[in-house]
């Protein structure tokens, strides 16, 4: 089982633009081969987590309160928030707040040997990293710069550095970079 941050990012490290829009990403549409690899990734996921901004973006852009059947996840999803959020009818959603470590343990139990997908946002992923609960970062890097917006991972990771494990190119658009998170040894 791995805990993986799998997301798309601009070259300059933003998940969404300053208006919380993903139009910069959606302009590319379906990329040959990429959807198959994404489906394989999802098949290995047993639980997922996201922050409240990501959850609210999904509710708004997918109109999930009126169309709950559009909820895209078949696995249980933990939504981290310090405030009350609307619930998507019929979705297997658990709301959480505070320390990510005990929630990660719940997620691992629910995942039953499968991977945990950290969907976003960057600050939440940073909390998992700080608790040594992040194993991989998988970035689909799009050929755009945004100059500002929601940062990919607002944490400093310099020592030990991430270890590049794989590079995959999709057409002339995306480079998918897989990094292993190296944990600090406590000698």
C-alpha atoms as a PDB file:
ATOM      1  CA  UNK A   1       0.000   0.000   0.000  1.00  0.00           C
ATOM      2  CA  UNK A   2       1.223   3.489  -0.915  1.00  0.00           C
ATOM      3  CA  UNK A   3      -0.070   6.929  -0.101  1.00  0.00           C
ATOM      4  CA  UNK A   4       0.151   8.889  -3.347  1.00  0.00           C
ATOM      5  CA  UNK A   5      -0.379  12.505  -4.304  1.00  0.00           C
ATOM      6  CA  UNK A   6      -1.518  12.306  -7.933  1.00  0.00           C
ATOM      7  CA  UNK A   7      -2.393  15.597  -9.579  1.00  0.00           C
ATOM      8  CA  UNK A   8      -1.928  17.890 -12.547  1.00  0.00           C
ATOM      9  CA  UNK A   9       0.211  20.988 -12.254  1.00  0.00           C
ATOM     10  CA  UNK A  10       1.404  23.896 -14.337  1.00  0.00           C
ATOM     11  CA  UNK A  11       5.128  24.102 -15.087  1.00  0.00           C
ATOM     12  CA  UNK A  12       5.457  26.774 -12.416  1.00  0.00           C
ATOM     13  CA  UNK A  13       3.790  24.618  -9.760  1.00  0.00           C
ATOM     14  CA  UNK A  14       0.139  25.632  -9.487  1.00  0.00           C
ATOM     15  CA  UNK A  15      -2.905  23.362  -9.218  1.00  0.00           C
ATOM     16  CA  UNK A  16      -5.455  26.031 -10.090  1.00  0.00           C
ATOM     17  CA  UNK A  17      -5.219  29.623 -11.240  1.00  0.00           C
ATOM     18  CA  UNK A  18      -5.913  32.660  -9.058  1.00  0.00           C
ATOM     19  CA  UNK A  19      -9.664  32.295  -9.797  1.00  0.00           C
ATOM     20  CA  UNK A  20      -9.574  28.623  -8.687  1.00  0.00           C
ATOM     21  CA  UNK A  21     -10.140  27.635 -12.317  1.00  0.00           C
ATOM     22  CA  UNK A  22      -8.872  24.533 -14.111  1.00  0.00           C
ATOM     23  CA  UNK A  23      -9.647  25.801 -17.600  1.00  0.00           C
ATOM     24  CA  UNK A  24      -5.900  25.876 -18.255  1.00  0.00           C
ATOM     25  CA  UNK A  25      -5.919  22.086 -17.801  1.00  0.00           C
ATOM     26  CA  UNK A  26      -9.203  21.236 -19.512  1.00  0.00           C
ATOM     27  CA  UNK A  27      -8.096  22.910 -22.745  1.00  0.00           C
ATOM     28  CA  UNK A  28      -6.051  19.785 -23.541  1.00  0.00           C
ATOM     29  CA  UNK A  29      -8.973  17.348 -23.490  1.00  0.00           C
ATOM     30  CA  UNK A  30      -8.254  13.621 -23.690  1.00  0.00           C
ATOM     31  CA  UNK A  31      -4.649  12.676 -24.403  1.00  0.00           C
ATOM     32  CA  UNK A  32      -3.981   9.314 -26.065  1.00  0.00           C
ATOM     33  CA  UNK A  33      -2.769   6.730 -23.566  1.00  0.00           C
ATOM     34  CA  UNK A  34      -3.151   8.982 -20.559  1.00  0.00           C
ATOM     35  CA  UNK A  35      -6.739   8.012 -19.759  1.00  0.00           C
ATOM     36  CA  UNK A  36      -5.793   4.303 -19.736  1.00  0.00           C
ATOM     37  CA  UNK A  37      -2.943   4.957 -17.318  1.00  0.00           C
ATOM     38  CA  UNK A  38      -5.211   7.067 -15.102  1.00  0.00           C
ATOM     39  CA  UNK A  39      -7.771   4.235 -15.061  1.00  0.00           C
ATOM     40  CA  UNK A  40      -5.046   1.778 -14.008  1.00  0.00           C
ATOM     41  CA  UNK A  41      -4.020   4.162 -11.228  1.00  0.00           C
ATOM     42  CA  UNK A  42      -7.622   4.404  -9.988  1.00  0.00           C
ATOM     43  CA  UNK A  43      -8.036   0.606  -9.992  1.00  0.00           C
ATOM     44  CA  UNK A  44      -5.264   0.433  -7.388  1.00  0.00           C
ATOM     45  CA  UNK A  45      -6.914   3.016  -5.093  1.00  0.00           C
ATOM     46  CA  UNK A  46      -8.849   1.870  -2.020  1.00  0.00           C
ATOM     47  CA  UNK A  47      -9.446   5.237  -0.317  1.00  0.00           C
ATOM     48  CA  UNK A  48      -8.980   8.925  -1.100  1.00  0.00           C
ATOM     49  CA  UNK A  49      -8.622  12.242   0.704  1.00  0.00           C
ATOM     50  CA  UNK A  50      -9.064  15.859  -0.287  1.00  0.00           C
ATOM     51  CA  UNK A  51      -9.297  19.281   1.264  1.00  0.00           C
ATOM     52  CA  UNK A  52     -12.410  21.393   1.461  1.00  0.00           C
ATOM     53  CA  UNK A  53     -11.466  23.657  -1.471  1.00  0.00           C
ATOM     54  CA  UNK A  54     -11.088  20.649  -3.776  1.00  0.00           C
ATOM     55  CA  UNK A  55     -14.381  19.189  -2.522  1.00  0.00           C
ATOM     56  CA  UNK A  56     -16.247  22.477  -2.973  1.00  0.00           C
ATOM     57  CA  UNK A  57     -14.787  22.909  -6.465  1.00  0.00           C
ATOM     58  CA  UNK A  58     -16.094  19.444  -7.394  1.00  0.00           C
ATOM     59  CA  UNK A  59     -19.540  20.162  -5.974  1.00  0.00           C
ATOM     60  CA  UNK A  60     -19.784  23.423  -7.903  1.00  0.00           C
ATOM     61  CA  UNK A  61     -18.267  22.368 -11.222  1.00  0.00           C
ATOM     62  CA  UNK A  62     -19.911  18.958 -11.382  1.00  0.00           C
ATOM     63  CA  UNK A  63     -23.226  20.212  -9.934  1.00  0.00           C
ATOM     64  CA  UNK A  64     -23.092  17.321  -7.463  1.00  0.00           C
ATOM     65  CA  UNK A  65     -25.798  18.484  -5.068  1.00  0.00           C
ATOM     66  CA  UNK A  66     -28.360  18.368  -7.873  1.00  0.00           C
ATOM     67  CA  UNK A  67     -26.704  15.396  -9.632  1.00  0.00           C
ATOM     68  CA  UNK A  68     -25.200  13.194  -6.915  1.00  0.00           C
ATOM     69  CA  UNK A  69     -24.847  10.288  -9.365  1.00  0.00           C
ATOM     70  CA  UNK A  70     -21.974  12.252 -10.917  1.00  0.00           C
ATOM     71  CA  UNK A  71     -19.832  11.700  -7.794  1.00  0.00           C
ATOM     72  CA  UNK A  72     -16.708  10.221  -9.423  1.00  0.00           C
ATOM     73  CA  UNK A  73     -15.361   8.052  -6.599  1.00  0.00           C
ATOM     74  CA  UNK A  74     -16.330   4.467  -5.854  1.00  0.00           C
ATOM     75  CA  UNK A  75     -13.983   4.298  -2.857  1.00  0.00           C
ATOM     76  CA  UNK A  76     -14.514   6.016   0.492  1.00  0.00           C
ATOM     77  CA  UNK A  77     -13.322   9.635   0.475  1.00  0.00           C
ATOM     78  CA  UNK A  78     -12.195  11.664   3.479  1.00  0.00           C
ATOM     79  CA  UNK A  79     -12.756  15.404   3.192  1.00  0.00           C
ATOM     80  CA  UNK A  80     -10.662  17.503   5.554  1.00  0.00           C
ATOM     81  CA  UNK A  81     -12.345  20.718   6.650  1.00  0.00           C
ATOM     82  CA  UNK A  82     -12.719  22.872   9.721  1.00  0.00           C
ATOM     83  CA  UNK A  83     -16.188  23.974   8.627  1.00  0.00           C
ATOM     84  CA  UNK A  84     -19.471  22.333   7.789  1.00  0.00           C
ATOM     85  CA  UNK A  85     -19.825  21.364   4.135  1.00  0.00           C
ATOM     86  CA  UNK A  86     -22.759  20.084   2.082  1.00  0.00           C
ATOM     87  CA  UNK A  87     -23.033  16.334   1.646  1.00  0.00           C
ATOM     88  CA  UNK A  88     -23.351  14.653  -1.737  1.00  0.00           C
ATOM     89  CA  UNK A  89     -26.270  12.205  -1.403  1.00  0.00           C
ATOM     90  CA  UNK A  90     -25.233   8.567  -1.638  1.00  0.00           C
ATOM     91  CA  UNK A  91     -21.480   9.276  -1.722  1.00  0.00           C
ATOM     92  CA  UNK A  92     -19.216   7.441   0.708  1.00  0.00           C
ATOM     93  CA  UNK A  93     -17.770  10.604   2.291  1.00  0.00           C
ATOM     94  CA  UNK A  94     -16.210  10.984   5.727  1.00  0.00           C
ATOM     95  CA  UNK A  95     -15.556  14.479   7.051  1.00  0.00           C
ATOM     96  CA  UNK A  96     -12.416  14.945   9.133  1.00  0.00           C
ATOM     97  CA  UNK A  97     -10.419  17.681  10.757  1.00  0.00           C
ATOM     98  CA  UNK A  98      -7.277  18.039  12.803  1.00  0.00           C
ATOM     99  CA  UNK A  99      -4.321  15.672  12.779  1.00  0.00           C
ATOM    100  CA  UNK A 100      -4.065  13.630   9.575  1.00  0.00           C
ATOM    101  CA  UNK A 101      -2.248  10.679  11.216  1.00  0.00           C
ATOM    102  CA  UNK A 102      -5.247   8.975  12.895  1.00  0.00           C
ATOM    103  CA  UNK A 103      -7.392   9.619   9.824  1.00  0.00           C
ATOM    104  CA  UNK A 104      -4.680   8.072   7.631  1.00  0.00           C
ATOM    105  CA  UNK A 105      -4.898   4.944   9.795  1.00  0.00           C
ATOM    106  CA  UNK A 106      -8.679   4.803   9.173  1.00  0.00           C
ATOM    107  CA  UNK A 107      -8.094   5.287   5.469  1.00  0.00           C
ATOM    108  CA  UNK A 108      -5.495   2.503   5.390  1.00  0.00           C
ATOM    109  CA  UNK A 109      -7.964   0.137   7.041  1.00  0.00           C
ATOM    110  CA  UNK A 110     -10.673   1.077   4.537  1.00  0.00           C
ATOM    111  CA  UNK A 111      -8.237   0.753   1.608  1.00  0.00           C
ATOM    112  CA  UNK A 112      -7.618  -2.869   2.635  1.00  0.00           C
ATOM    113  CA  UNK A 113      -4.187  -3.167   1.036  1.00  0.00           C
ATOM    114  CA  UNK A 114      -4.883  -0.847  -1.883  1.00  0.00           C
ATOM    115  CA  UNK A 115      -3.340   2.604  -2.269  1.00  0.00           C
ATOM    116  CA  UNK A 116      -4.522   5.874  -0.751  1.00  0.00           C
ATOM    117  CA  UNK A 117      -4.944   8.734  -3.219  1.00  0.00           C
ATOM    118  CA  UNK A 118      -4.382  12.233  -1.905  1.00  0.00           C
ATOM    119  CA  UNK A 119      -6.389  14.220  -4.443  1.00  0.00           C
ATOM    120  CA  UNK A 120      -5.528  17.743  -3.234  1.00  0.00           C
ATOM    121  CA  UNK A 121      -4.939  20.475  -2.192  1.00  0.00           C
ATOM    122  CA  UNK A 122      -1.342  21.200  -1.609  1.00  0.00           C
ATOM    123  CA  UNK A 123      -1.549  22.245   2.035  1.00  0.00           C
ATOM    124  CA  UNK A 124      -3.330  19.018   3.002  1.00  0.00           C
ATOM    125  CA  UNK A 125      -0.694  16.966   1.178  1.00  0.00           C
ATOM    126  CA  UNK A 126       1.958  18.902   3.096  1.00  0.00           C
ATOM    127  CA  UNK A 127       0.383  17.749   6.353  1.00  0.00           C
ATOM    128  CA  UNK A 128       0.636  14.111   5.253  1.00  0.00           C
ATOM    129  CA  UNK A 129       4.261  14.728   4.244  1.00  0.00           C
ATOM    130  CA  UNK A 130       5.084  16.266   7.636  1.00  0.00           C
ATOM    131  CA  UNK A 131       3.756  13.124   9.359  1.00  0.00           C
ATOM    132  CA  UNK A 132       5.845  10.862   7.054  1.00  0.00           C
ATOM    133  CA  UNK A 133       2.618   9.523   5.516  1.00  0.00           C
ATOM    134  CA  UNK A 134       3.353  10.349   1.876  1.00  0.00           C
ATOM    135  CA  UNK A 135       5.106   7.762  -0.303  1.00  0.00           C
ATOM    136  CA  UNK A 136       4.848   9.127  -3.851  1.00  0.00           C
ATOM    137  CA  UNK A 137       4.121  12.318  -5.715  1.00  0.00           C
ATOM    138  CA  UNK A 138       2.847  11.804  -9.269  1.00  0.00           C
ATOM    139  CA  UNK A 139       2.683  14.994 -11.293  1.00  0.00           C
ATOM    140  CA  UNK A 140       1.104  15.452 -14.696  1.00  0.00           C
ATOM    141  CA  UNK A 141       2.942  18.585 -15.769  1.00  0.00           C
ATOM    142  CA  UNK A 142       1.033  20.695 -18.307  1.00  0.00           C
ATOM    143  CA  UNK A 143       2.848  23.042 -20.695  1.00  0.00           C
ATOM    144  CA  UNK A 144       1.450  26.237 -19.202  1.00  0.00           C
ATOM    145  CA  UNK A 145       2.486  28.745 -16.556  1.00  0.00           C
ATOM    146  CA  UNK A 146      -0.044  30.417 -14.285  1.00  0.00           C
ATOM    147  CA  UNK A 147       2.161  32.844 -12.300  1.00  0.00           C
ATOM    148  CA  UNK A 148      -0.161  32.572  -9.286  1.00  0.00           C
ATOM    149  CA  UNK A 149      -2.944  30.479  -7.833  1.00  0.00           C
ATOM    150  CA  UNK A 150      -3.176  27.385  -5.625  1.00  0.00           C
ATOM    151  CA  UNK A 151       0.359  26.050  -5.045  1.00  0.00           C
ATOM    152  CA  UNK A 152       1.197  22.427  -5.797  1.00  0.00           C
ATOM    153  CA  UNK A 153       2.772  21.747  -2.401  1.00  0.00           C
ATOM    154  CA  UNK A 154       3.437  24.732  -0.159  1.00  0.00           C
ATOM    155  CA  UNK A 155       6.174  22.966   1.796  1.00  0.00           C
ATOM    156  CA  UNK A 156       9.924  23.009   1.564  1.00  0.00           C
ATOM    157  CA  UNK A 157      11.307  19.572   0.694  1.00  0.00           C
ATOM    158  CA  UNK A 158      15.067  19.734   0.281  1.00  0.00           C
ATOM    159  CA  UNK A 159      16.705  17.100   2.469  1.00  0.00           C
ATOM    160  CA  UNK A 160      16.341  14.386   1.748  1.00  0.00           C
ATOM    161  CA  UNK A 161      15.212  15.356  -1.749  1.00  0.00           C
ATOM    162  CA  UNK A 162      12.515  13.511  -3.656  1.00  0.00           C
ATOM    163  CA  UNK A 163      13.783  10.624  -5.810  1.00  0.00           C
ATOM    164  CA  UNK A 164      12.707  10.561  -9.454  1.00  0.00           C
ATOM    165  CA  UNK A 165      11.288   7.079 -10.068  1.00  0.00           C
ATOM    166  CA  UNK A 166       9.633   7.395 -13.481  1.00  0.00           C
ATOM    167  CA  UNK A 167       9.064   9.770 -16.394  1.00  0.00           C
ATOM    168  CA  UNK A 168       6.307   9.261 -18.960  1.00  0.00           C
ATOM    169  CA  UNK A 169       5.527  11.483 -21.936  1.00  0.00           C
ATOM    170  CA  UNK A 170       2.018  11.822 -23.375  1.00  0.00           C
ATOM    171  CA  UNK A 171       2.023  13.363 -26.827  1.00  0.00           C
ATOM    172  CA  UNK A 172       3.513  16.809 -26.968  1.00  0.00           C
ATOM    173  CA  UNK A 173       1.556  17.932 -23.913  1.00  0.00           C
ATOM    174  CA  UNK A 174       2.155  16.157 -20.614  1.00  0.00           C
ATOM    175  CA  UNK A 175       5.193  14.901 -18.791  1.00  0.00           C
ATOM    176  CA  UNK A 176       4.181  12.653 -15.907  1.00  0.00           C
ATOM    177  CA  UNK A 177       6.837  12.624 -13.219  1.00  0.00           C
ATOM    178  CA  UNK A 178       6.742  10.087 -10.392  1.00  0.00           C
ATOM    179  CA  UNK A 179       8.799  10.897  -7.330  1.00  0.00           C
ATOM    180  CA  UNK A 180       9.397   8.693  -4.302  1.00  0.00           C
ATOM    181  CA  UNK A 181       9.319  10.554  -1.010  1.00  0.00           C
ATOM    182  CA  UNK A 182      12.459   9.842   0.968  1.00  0.00           C
ATOM    183  CA  UNK A 183      11.887   9.807   4.702  1.00  0.00           C
ATOM    184  CA  UNK A 184      14.395  11.301   7.097  1.00  0.00           C
ATOM    185  CA  UNK A 185      16.179   8.469   8.893  1.00  0.00           C
ATOM    186  CA  UNK A 186      16.064   8.750  12.663  1.00  0.00           C
ATOM    187  CA  UNK A 187      19.460   7.317  13.596  1.00  0.00           C
END
